[in-house]
Amino acid sequence: MNKTNRRHFTIVGVLIVISTFVTQWALDRSLPLPVKASLEAISIDWLIGLHVWLIAFLFAVVMVFMLYAVVVFRRKEGDESEGEHFEGNTLLEIAWTVAPIALVLIFAVIGFRVLEDVTYAAGDEIEVRVTGSQWSWKFEYPELNDFQSTELVLEVDQRVKFVMTSTDVNHSFWVPEFRVKQDLVNGRETTVMVTPIEVGEYTLGCAELCGTRHYAMLAPVKVLDATAYDAWAAENTK
């Protein structure tokens, strides 16, 4: 590589780094995430953050190379000469083949480990059975004498195994603050694990288009401290 090309690549490299940080900052500020209200949300947000950095980097690479070429290597007025001919670059071709494959494999491994966080049953979770119907939710607590409610009440720091099904069309269990989403399918049971870590009130919504009142398929979610949860459980198991 001659001195001129080295200078061009140095400039492009610096611009890519700067553009990556600026793009990531802009995306992070313009697309804020809700509060992390579950333990699983921490690893999910970390994975989302990795994707945002990758998106910012790829965007910067494409835009910087394109704009730099347009500005620096544009045809000068009166220049009618042919552009330089290239036969190919084996090293470059190997790099742009291997790099995407490596990225896909890395993100697949990380994604699988994050998925384990919401699917692995450690044995210390309580069970809540969730039934979705057009256009309502029902929650059943086997450990509270099969108490049923239209309000989801959970204990903070207590891992929960949701066992879900639908009575009609497909629905999708989604509490944005938990970052966990799981489909409910008629005729089968699906499961997902959640560990609430923030006391508060949230809203469960259906994230699967399920009919004319899909927008209204909501349910209140309350995460209580241990004392308040025990009082609620005692009140509803009399």
Foldseek 3Di string as FASTA:
>chain_A
DDPVVVVVVVVLVVQLVVQLVVQLVVCCVVDPADAQFWPLVVLVVVLVSVVSSVVSNVVSNVVSVVVCCCPPVPDDPPDPDDDDDDPDDVVVVVCVVVVVVVVVVVSVVSVVVSQCVWVPDPPQAFEWEWEAEVAAIKIFGVVLVRQIDRAAEAEAQGKYKYKYAYCDQKWWWDWRSQVDIDIHYHPHIDITMTHGHDFDKTKIATPDPDDDVSVVRIHIYGYDYPVVVVVVSVVRND
